[in-house]
Amino acid sequence: MGMVAMTYKLNPNSEVEDVDAEAIAEAVKSLASEVYDVQAVDVKPLAFGLKFVQVHVVMSDKQGGLSDDFEAKMTMIHGVGEIEVLSMGLL
C-alpha cells in the first residue's frame, strides 16, 4: 500500500460569531502526527471578508478510515463548518 495526499477546504461555521481562520489553521497544524503529515495549511479569502482554511495532508492508505478520522478531528475544531475535499490522489 502507498500514501494518499488530500487537500481540504475548511469553511467557517456560519452559526459562530467572529470565526478566527488563523486559530483554525493553528489547530489543524497541531493535528500533525506520525499518521497525518500535515504539509501545508493556508488561510485564503472567501467572500465579504470571510476566510477559509486550505489543508494539504498526506497519510497512509493501508488502514481504512484514516481520512474519515482526520475529517472528524477537524470538525471538532471551534469555528469549522463544512469540510470539502478539493483533491485526493495516490502517491
N, C-alpha and C. Protein backbone atom coordinates (compact mmCIF):
# COMPACT_ATOMS: atom_id res chain seq x y z
N MET A 1 0.83 -1.18 0.00
CA MET A 1 0.00 0.00 0.00
C MET A 1 0.88 1.25 0.00
N GLY A 2 0.29 2.33 -0.44
CA GLY A 2 1.04 3.57 -0.55
C GLY A 2 0.52 4.66 0.35
N MET A 3 0.74 5.85 -0.12
CA MET A 3 0.31 7.04 0.62
C MET A 3 -0.73 7.77 -0.22
N VAL A 4 -1.61 8.47 0.47
CA VAL A 4 -2.64 9.26 -0.21
C VAL A 4 -2.47 10.72 0.22
N ALA A 5 -2.54 11.62 -0.76
CA ALA A 5 -2.46 13.06 -0.50
C ALA A 5 -3.85 13.64 -0.68
N MET A 6 -4.28 14.43 0.32
CA MET A 6 -5.61 15.02 0.26
C MET A 6 -5.52 16.52 0.52
N THR A 7 -6.35 17.26 -0.20
CA THR A 7 -6.46 18.70 0.02
C THR A 7 -7.89 18.99 0.43
N TYR A 8 -8.03 19.68 1.56
CA TYR A 8 -9.34 20.01 2.11
C TYR A 8 -9.56 21.52 2.11
N LYS A 9 -10.83 21.90 2.03
CA LYS A 9 -11.24 23.28 2.22
C LYS A 9 -12.14 23.31 3.45
N LEU A 10 -11.72 24.05 4.48
CA LEU A 10 -12.49 24.18 5.71
C LEU A 10 -13.20 25.52 5.69
N ASN A 11 -14.50 25.48 5.57
CA ASN A 11 -15.30 26.70 5.55
C ASN A 11 -15.67 27.09 6.98
N PRO A 12 -15.81 28.38 7.24
CA PRO A 12 -16.19 28.81 8.59
C PRO A 12 -17.63 28.42 8.91
N ASN A 13 -17.89 28.17 10.18
CA ASN A 13 -19.23 27.85 10.64
C ASN A 13 -20.04 29.14 10.69
N SER A 14 -21.11 29.21 9.93
CA SER A 14 -21.91 30.44 9.85
C SER A 14 -22.67 30.72 11.13
N GLU A 15 -22.81 29.74 12.01
CA GLU A 15 -23.54 29.93 13.26
C GLU A 15 -22.65 30.44 14.39
N VAL A 16 -21.35 30.55 14.14
CA VAL A 16 -20.41 31.01 15.16
C VAL A 16 -19.97 32.43 14.80
N GLU A 17 -20.05 33.33 15.76
CA GLU A 17 -19.62 34.71 15.51
C GLU A 17 -18.10 34.81 15.58
N ASP A 18 -17.54 35.71 14.80
CA ASP A 18 -16.11 36.02 14.83
C ASP A 18 -15.23 34.78 14.72
N VAL A 19 -15.44 34.00 13.68
CA VAL A 19 -14.60 32.83 13.45
C VAL A 19 -13.20 33.30 13.08
N ASP A 20 -12.21 32.78 13.77
CA ASP A 20 -10.81 33.15 13.54
C ASP A 20 -10.13 32.09 12.68
N ALA A 21 -9.97 32.39 11.38
CA ALA A 21 -9.37 31.43 10.46
C ALA A 21 -7.93 31.10 10.85
N GLU A 22 -7.21 32.08 11.39
CA GLU A 22 -5.82 31.83 11.81
C GLU A 22 -5.78 30.82 12.97
N ALA A 23 -6.73 30.94 13.90
CA ALA A 23 -6.79 29.99 15.02
C ALA A 23 -7.13 28.59 14.52
N ILE A 24 -8.02 28.52 13.54
CA ILE A 24 -8.35 27.22 12.94
C ILE A 24 -7.12 26.62 12.28
N ALA A 25 -6.37 27.44 11.55
CA ALA A 25 -5.16 26.97 10.87
C ALA A 25 -4.15 26.42 11.88
N GLU A 26 -3.96 27.13 12.99
CA GLU A 26 -3.02 26.66 14.02
C GLU A 26 -3.49 25.35 14.64
N ALA A 27 -4.80 25.22 14.86
CA ALA A 27 -5.35 23.98 15.42
C ALA A 27 -5.16 22.80 14.46
N VAL A 28 -5.32 23.06 13.17
CA VAL A 28 -5.12 21.99 12.18
C VAL A 28 -3.66 21.57 12.15
N LYS A 29 -2.75 22.53 12.24
CA LYS A 29 -1.32 22.20 12.26
C LYS A 29 -0.99 21.29 13.43
N SER A 30 -1.69 21.47 14.55
CA SER A 30 -1.42 20.64 15.73
C SER A 30 -1.89 19.20 15.56
N LEU A 31 -2.65 18.91 14.51
CA LEU A 31 -3.10 17.54 14.25
C LEU A 31 -2.02 16.69 13.59
N ALA A 32 -0.91 17.31 13.20
CA ALA A 32 0.19 16.56 12.57
C ALA A 32 0.71 15.51 13.54
N SER A 33 0.97 14.32 13.01
CA SER A 33 1.47 13.20 13.83
C SER A 33 2.20 12.22 12.93
N GLU A 34 2.51 11.05 13.47
CA GLU A 34 3.15 10.02 12.65
C GLU A 34 2.19 9.52 11.57
N VAL A 35 0.90 9.59 11.86
CA VAL A 35 -0.11 9.10 10.93
C VAL A 35 -0.47 10.15 9.88
N TYR A 36 -0.57 11.42 10.33
CA TYR A 36 -1.00 12.51 9.45
C TYR A 36 0.13 13.50 9.26
N ASP A 37 0.64 13.59 8.03
CA ASP A 37 1.70 14.54 7.69
C ASP A 37 1.03 15.79 7.10
N VAL A 38 0.74 16.75 7.96
CA VAL A 38 0.11 17.99 7.52
C VAL A 38 1.21 18.84 6.87
N GLN A 39 1.19 18.92 5.54
CA GLN A 39 2.26 19.56 4.80
C GLN A 39 2.04 21.05 4.54
N ALA A 40 0.79 21.47 4.45
CA ALA A 40 0.51 22.89 4.19
C ALA A 40 -0.85 23.26 4.76
N VAL A 41 -0.89 24.42 5.39
CA VAL A 41 -2.13 24.99 5.90
C VAL A 41 -2.13 26.47 5.51
N ASP A 42 -3.08 26.86 4.68
CA ASP A 42 -3.14 28.24 4.18
C ASP A 42 -4.50 28.85 4.48
N VAL A 43 -4.48 30.11 4.86
CA VAL A 43 -5.71 30.88 5.05
C VAL A 43 -5.91 31.70 3.78
N LYS A 44 -7.11 31.54 3.17
CA LYS A 44 -7.39 32.20 1.89
C LYS A 44 -8.71 32.97 1.98
N PRO A 45 -8.83 34.04 1.19
CA PRO A 45 -10.09 34.81 1.21
C PRO A 45 -11.23 34.02 0.58
N LEU A 46 -12.42 34.18 1.17
CA LEU A 46 -13.60 33.52 0.65
C LEU A 46 -14.53 34.55 0.00
N ALA A 47 -15.13 35.40 0.82
CA ALA A 47 -16.01 36.47 0.30
C ALA A 47 -16.40 37.38 1.45
N PHE A 48 -16.57 38.65 1.14
CA PHE A 48 -17.06 39.62 2.11
C PHE A 48 -16.26 39.62 3.42
N GLY A 49 -14.96 39.47 3.31
CA GLY A 49 -14.10 39.48 4.48
C GLY A 49 -13.97 38.14 5.17
N LEU A 50 -14.74 37.15 4.74
CA LEU A 50 -14.62 35.81 5.32
C LEU A 50 -13.40 35.10 4.73
N LYS A 51 -12.85 34.18 5.49
CA LYS A 51 -11.70 33.41 5.03
C LYS A 51 -11.96 31.93 5.24
N PHE A 52 -11.30 31.10 4.43
CA PHE A 52 -11.35 29.66 4.64
C PHE A 52 -9.94 29.15 4.81
N VAL A 53 -9.83 27.91 5.29
CA VAL A 53 -8.53 27.30 5.53
C VAL A 53 -8.38 26.14 4.55
N GLN A 54 -7.27 26.14 3.81
CA GLN A 54 -6.97 25.04 2.90
C GLN A 54 -5.87 24.19 3.53
N VAL A 55 -6.09 22.88 3.57
CA VAL A 55 -5.18 21.95 4.25
C VAL A 55 -4.73 20.89 3.28
N HIS A 56 -3.41 20.65 3.22
CA HIS A 56 -2.85 19.57 2.42
C HIS A 56 -2.21 18.58 3.38
N VAL A 57 -2.68 17.34 3.35
CA VAL A 57 -2.19 16.32 4.29
C VAL A 57 -1.90 15.03 3.53
N VAL A 58 -0.87 14.31 3.99
CA VAL A 58 -0.51 13.02 3.41
C VAL A 58 -0.65 11.97 4.51
N MET A 59 -1.30 10.86 4.16
CA MET A 59 -1.49 9.78 5.13
C MET A 59 -1.41 8.44 4.41
N SER A 60 -1.22 7.39 5.17
CA SER A 60 -1.16 6.05 4.61
C SER A 60 -2.55 5.62 4.15
N ASP A 61 -2.60 4.82 3.10
CA ASP A 61 -3.90 4.30 2.67
C ASP A 61 -4.08 2.84 3.06
N LYS A 62 -3.15 2.30 3.88
CA LYS A 62 -3.26 0.88 4.24
C LYS A 62 -4.30 0.61 5.30
N GLN A 63 -4.57 1.60 6.17
CA GLN A 63 -5.60 1.43 7.19
C GLN A 63 -6.86 2.12 6.72
N GLY A 64 -7.96 1.41 6.75
CA GLY A 64 -9.22 2.01 6.32
C GLY A 64 -9.70 3.09 7.27
N GLY A 65 -10.30 4.13 6.71
CA GLY A 65 -10.92 5.15 7.52
C GLY A 65 -10.02 6.24 8.05
N LEU A 66 -8.76 6.30 7.65
CA LEU A 66 -7.88 7.36 8.17
C LEU A 66 -8.35 8.74 7.75
N SER A 67 -8.83 8.87 6.52
CA SER A 67 -9.30 10.19 6.09
C SER A 67 -10.56 10.58 6.86
N ASP A 68 -11.42 9.62 7.14
CA ASP A 68 -12.62 9.91 7.94
C ASP A 68 -12.24 10.35 9.34
N ASP A 69 -11.24 9.70 9.93
CA ASP A 69 -10.79 10.07 11.28
C ASP A 69 -10.21 11.49 11.28
N PHE A 70 -9.42 11.82 10.25
CA PHE A 70 -8.83 13.15 10.17
C PHE A 70 -9.91 14.21 10.00
N GLU A 71 -10.90 13.93 9.16
CA GLU A 71 -12.01 14.87 8.97
C GLU A 71 -12.79 15.05 10.27
N ALA A 72 -12.99 13.97 11.02
CA ALA A 72 -13.70 14.07 12.30
C ALA A 72 -12.92 14.95 13.28
N LYS A 73 -11.60 14.82 13.28
CA LYS A 73 -10.77 15.66 14.16
C LYS A 73 -10.87 17.13 13.76
N MET A 74 -10.92 17.40 12.46
CA MET A 74 -11.03 18.79 12.01
C MET A 74 -12.39 19.38 12.37
N THR A 75 -13.45 18.58 12.32
CA THR A 75 -14.78 19.10 12.66
C THR A 75 -14.89 19.46 14.13
N MET A 76 -14.02 18.92 14.97
CA MET A 76 -14.05 19.22 16.40
C MET A 76 -13.42 20.58 16.71
N ILE A 77 -12.74 21.18 15.75
CA ILE A 77 -12.10 22.48 15.95
C ILE A 77 -13.16 23.57 15.96
N HIS A 78 -13.09 24.44 16.95
CA HIS A 78 -14.07 25.52 17.09
C HIS A 78 -14.04 26.44 15.86
N GLY A 79 -15.21 26.66 15.28
CA GLY A 79 -15.32 27.56 14.14
C GLY A 79 -15.34 26.88 12.79
N VAL A 80 -15.05 25.57 12.76
CA VAL A 80 -15.05 24.85 11.48
C VAL A 80 -16.48 24.45 11.14
N GLY A 81 -16.90 24.80 9.94
CA GLY A 81 -18.22 24.43 9.45
C GLY A 81 -18.11 23.25 8.51
N GLU A 82 -18.41 23.51 7.26
CA GLU A 82 -18.37 22.47 6.22
C GLU A 82 -16.92 22.16 5.83
N ILE A 83 -16.65 20.87 5.59
CA ILE A 83 -15.33 20.43 5.11
C ILE A 83 -15.54 19.83 3.73
N GLU A 84 -14.77 20.33 2.78
CA GLU A 84 -14.88 19.89 1.39
C GLU A 84 -13.55 19.30 0.94
N VAL A 85 -13.59 18.14 0.28
CA VAL A 85 -12.39 17.54 -0.29
C VAL A 85 -12.16 18.16 -1.65
N LEU A 86 -11.04 18.89 -1.80
CA LEU A 86 -10.73 19.53 -3.08
C LEU A 86 -10.02 18.58 -4.03
N SER A 87 -9.14 17.74 -3.47
CA SER A 87 -8.43 16.77 -4.30
C SER A 87 -7.96 15.60 -3.45
N MET A 88 -7.78 14.48 -4.12
CA MET A 88 -7.30 13.28 -3.46
C MET A 88 -6.53 12.47 -4.50
N GLY A 89 -5.35 11.99 -4.13
CA GLY A 89 -4.58 11.21 -5.08
C GLY A 89 -3.57 10.33 -4.39
N LEU A 90 -3.23 9.23 -5.05
CA LEU A 90 -2.24 8.31 -4.51
C LEU A 90 -0.84 8.78 -4.88
N LEU A 91 0.08 8.59 -3.96
CA LEU A 91 1.47 8.95 -4.21
C LEU A 91 2.28 7.71 -4.51
